[in-house]
Amino acid sequence: MLEIWGRPYSSNVIPVIWTANELGLDYTLQLAGGSFGKLDTPEFAQINPNRMIPAIRDGDFALWESLAIVRYLCNKYGADYLCPTSPQSAPWQINGWSGPRPKRLCP
């Protein structure tokens, strides 16, 4: 089963949870980071040696960084729904809302 590690109110974890929900995936949310701790545990270091959230474990596969996780989930579980299977197929949502964009403007 898919495990998502992070806080459900973290701006970097929210897209991962949203994607899993949109794809109808069963997952376990492992509360980690901030007041939940767990980032300094040996178990989490095996999932993400950088010890930051979000991170996932999907069977024996581990991945971190929110955009990488979202793209992985879309490619593995969302073919032709959130991830196109050909250049002409629709929808192209993953490329539309997951591209780089500034979160805030700084002077």
Protein backbone atom coordinates (compact mmCIF):
# COMPACT_ATOMS: atom_id res chain seq x y z
CA MET A 1 0.00 0.00 0.00
CA LEU A 2 1.08 3.55 -0.70
CA GLU A 3 2.39 5.52 2.27
CA ILE A 4 2.49 9.31 2.17
CA TRP A 5 4.77 10.88 4.76
CA GLY A 6 4.11 14.45 5.83
CA ARG A 7 1.64 16.87 7.41
CA PRO A 8 -1.74 17.20 5.66
CA TYR A 9 -1.61 20.99 5.98
CA SER A 10 1.89 21.41 4.53
CA SER A 11 1.86 23.27 1.22
CA ASN A 12 4.25 20.71 -0.24
CA VAL A 13 2.26 17.70 0.97
CA ILE A 14 -1.18 18.95 -0.13
CA PRO A 15 -0.57 18.35 -3.88
CA VAL A 16 0.54 14.78 -3.15
CA ILE A 17 -2.56 14.04 -1.08
CA TRP A 18 -4.79 15.74 -3.64
CA THR A 19 -3.32 13.65 -6.45
CA ALA A 20 -3.73 10.40 -4.51
CA ASN A 21 -7.34 11.30 -3.71
CA GLU A 22 -8.09 12.38 -7.28
CA LEU A 23 -6.75 9.05 -8.55
CA GLY A 24 -8.79 7.15 -5.95
CA LEU A 25 -5.72 5.54 -4.42
CA ASP A 26 -5.74 3.79 -1.09
CA TYR A 27 -2.95 5.19 1.04
CA THR A 28 -1.80 5.58 4.60
CA LEU A 29 -0.84 9.05 5.78
CA GLN A 30 2.18 8.82 8.05
CA LEU A 31 2.17 12.04 10.06
CA ALA A 32 5.73 13.35 10.01
CA GLY A 33 7.56 16.64 10.23
CA GLY A 34 7.03 19.63 12.48
CA SER A 35 5.44 18.68 15.79
CA PHE A 36 5.00 15.08 14.60
CA GLY A 37 8.75 14.49 14.36
CA LYS A 38 9.84 11.17 12.78
CA LEU A 39 12.19 12.86 10.28
CA ASP A 40 15.28 11.85 12.27
CA THR A 41 14.35 8.17 12.50
CA PRO A 42 16.31 5.48 10.67
CA GLU A 43 13.06 4.33 9.00
CA PHE A 44 12.46 7.75 7.44
CA ALA A 45 16.12 8.10 6.43
CA GLN A 46 15.64 5.01 4.24
CA ILE A 47 12.69 6.72 2.52
CA ASN A 48 14.31 10.15 2.18
CA PRO A 49 17.97 10.62 3.11
CA ASN A 50 17.38 14.40 2.98
CA ARG A 51 14.89 13.94 5.86
CA MET A 52 12.27 16.31 4.47
CA ILE A 53 8.61 15.94 3.61
CA PRO A 54 6.77 14.99 1.52
CA ALA A 55 7.97 11.51 0.76
CA ILE A 56 6.24 8.33 -0.29
CA ARG A 57 6.83 4.62 -0.11
CA ASP A 58 5.03 2.58 -2.76
CA GLY A 59 5.89 -1.02 -2.04
CA ASP A 60 9.68 -1.20 -2.15
CA PHE A 61 9.97 2.11 -4.04
CA ALA A 62 10.60 5.40 -2.22
CA LEU A 63 10.46 8.92 -3.61
CA TRP A 64 10.58 12.48 -2.28
CA GLU A 65 9.93 16.04 -3.57
CA SER A 66 6.29 16.93 -4.18
CA LEU A 67 6.42 17.46 -7.95
CA ALA A 68 8.38 14.25 -8.51
CA ILE A 69 5.82 12.36 -6.40
CA VAL A 70 2.84 13.90 -8.22
CA ARG A 71 4.33 13.03 -11.62
CA TYR A 72 5.15 9.50 -10.46
CA LEU A 73 1.61 8.91 -9.19
CA CYS A 74 0.08 10.32 -12.37
CA ASN A 75 2.34 8.22 -14.59
CA LYS A 76 1.82 5.02 -12.63
CA TYR A 77 -1.86 5.29 -11.74
CA GLY A 78 -3.38 8.06 -13.86
CA ALA A 79 -2.74 7.12 -17.49
CA ASP A 80 -5.07 9.12 -19.75
CA TYR A 81 -6.75 10.70 -16.72
CA LEU A 82 -4.17 13.02 -15.21
CA CYS A 83 -1.29 11.90 -17.41
CA PRO A 84 -1.50 11.73 -21.19
CA THR A 85 -0.41 8.54 -22.94
CA SER A 86 0.32 10.27 -26.24
CA PRO A 87 1.10 13.84 -27.32
CA GLN A 88 -2.37 14.21 -28.83
CA SER A 89 -4.36 12.67 -26.01
CA ALA A 90 -6.21 14.67 -23.43
CA PRO A 91 -6.20 15.64 -20.69
CA TRP A 92 -2.92 17.42 -20.14
CA GLN A 93 -3.76 18.50 -16.58
CA ILE A 94 -0.53 17.25 -15.03
CA ASN A 95 1.53 19.52 -17.25
CA GLY A 96 -0.78 22.48 -16.77
CA TRP A 97 -0.89 22.68 -13.00
CA SER A 98 2.39 21.08 -12.05
CA GLY A 99 4.81 23.30 -13.92
CA PRO A 100 7.18 25.64 -12.12
CA ARG A 101 5.66 28.86 -10.90
CA PRO A 102 6.54 31.35 -8.23
CA LYS A 103 4.73 30.92 -4.94
CA ARG A 104 5.33 34.53 -3.97
CA LEU A 105 6.90 37.66 -5.27
CA CYS A 106 9.90 39.11 -3.53
CA PRO A 107 11.32 42.59 -4.15
